[in-house]
Structures are given as C-alpha cells and as structure tokens.
Amino acid sequence: MLLRSITKHVRDQNWFAVFLDFFIVVAGILIAFQITNWNDARKEEQAARVYVERIRDDLMANREDLQQRAIYFSQTRDHALSALAALDRPPETLGKDFLIDVYQATQALPRTFGRDTYDEIISAGETNTITDTSIRKMFANFYRGIEAPLAILSQTVHYREIIRSKMPYKTQAAIRADCAESSTINAAGEPIISFPDKCEIDLDMKETLKSVSAIIDADIRDALVRRISDLDNKIVMSRRIIERAEALDAHLEERL
C-alpha cells in the first residue's frame, strides 16, 4: 500500500507527499530497530541477572561446604594433637586410642570448589552479558584470589603416607571398620562427613602392641607436627574463603 502511494505521488509530482511517505518508512524502520534493541537489551539484562543469582547460589553452597570442611579439619587436628601428646608418654602406656588418633590424623577430604556457573560463563563467552564491569571484575578477582587457598586445602603431606605404609594393615582395617566416618546428605545433595565421637576397635593385645611398636619405630613426631601445621592452614584458608564469599555475596545483593 505504501509503495503504491509513493508511486502515485511521484507520478503526480506531489513532492511533499513523497517526502512524507519516505519519512513514515524511515521512522517505522528506526522505531522497529529501537524496539529490537530494547528487547535484546532486556534479554541480556535478564540473562545477566540469572547468571548473578546462580553464582550467588554457588557461593551459598560453597560456604556450607567450607564450613563443613573446617569442622572436619578441626576434628582431624584434634586426633593429631592427641597423638602428639601421647608420644610424650611411655610407649608401654599407649594402646588402641593412640592408634586411632594416629590413623585418623591422616584423613583427608578431597573436594573440588563449586564454580560451575562462572566456568559456564567463561566457556560460553558470555562474560560481556554482565554489562556491569565492576561485577565482572569482582567475579574475576574472587575466583583468581581463592586459587592459592584452594591449593592448600587440596595438598597432602608426607605424614599420611608414613602412617599408611608403617601401620600394620590389620590395624588400619579395624579402624576403618569400627571408626568409619559418618556421612549424611544436605539439601543440595552433597555429603556431610564427620568422625564418630567415640569408637572402639576390635584388636587383640598382641596386634595392638605390635602396631604401637611399629608407629614408635617410624619416628613420626616431625611428620605429625607438619601435619598439624597443615591442618591449621587448612582451617584458616577455609574460613578465609568463606569470608571472601560472604563479602562478594553482600556486594552482589546490594547491586541487584
């Protein structure tokens, strides 16, 4: 209809009407283009909000995981400190509790840090979807800044290898059977692992004395002290990452 109107006005040499028709066409195109831009911007804003909310969910899950890790490391450290104190007593006074402490001090909690949403943003090239550059910088600084603390959480020290190679297998099997860690599942489907408050292993006197002697002969004091220092660092790093996650979450909440 518009093309037919323009043709008629040109034929009639009605230049004002021709100009008006062209103006209507151009204005329509510009309005349609602007509406498309508005829609695209709204979709990007919605996508950015979804990403930020998902990262906040990740941060909450990470805080819960790290709080549980800190508790686990503290329990491991308690066993290590008990074992270290026992080394100052005469060997003939040491028994099953000493063996349990020595073994439980080797326990580790290997876990990866949840950063699925941030990795998805990076791998999909969606970084610029989050138009607020300060938020993008916060994310980058947070995930880059926790790399070193996470490395400390995942490292192992030589103490574990010493004990698990020197303690007789029968004793290790008895401890694993009778002093096994308990595991429950939280709302996110992740395991919550902890030590039993008290346990008694099924080990006869002969095997107990043999195992105590093997540990004493292994001269574990220096390695045990290093293990305690390692656990101290793990507890500190767990709490430090929690503090950073809480600070990031608070900034995000203010900006949403």
Foldseek 3Di string as FASTA:
>chain_A
DLVVQLVVCVVVVVVVVNVVSVVVVVVVVVVVVVVVVVVVLVVLVVVLVVLLVVVLVLLVVQLVVLVLVLQALVQLLVLLVVLLVCLPPPLVVDWLSNLLSLQSNQDADDDDRDDVSVVVCVVVVVLCSNVPVVLSVLVVCLVVVLPVLVVLNRDHACSNVLLVVQADPVSVVQCCVWFNWDWDADPVRDIRTHTDPDTDGPDDPVSGSVRSVSVVVSVCNVVSVVSSVSSVSNSVSSVVSSVSSVVSSVVSVVVD
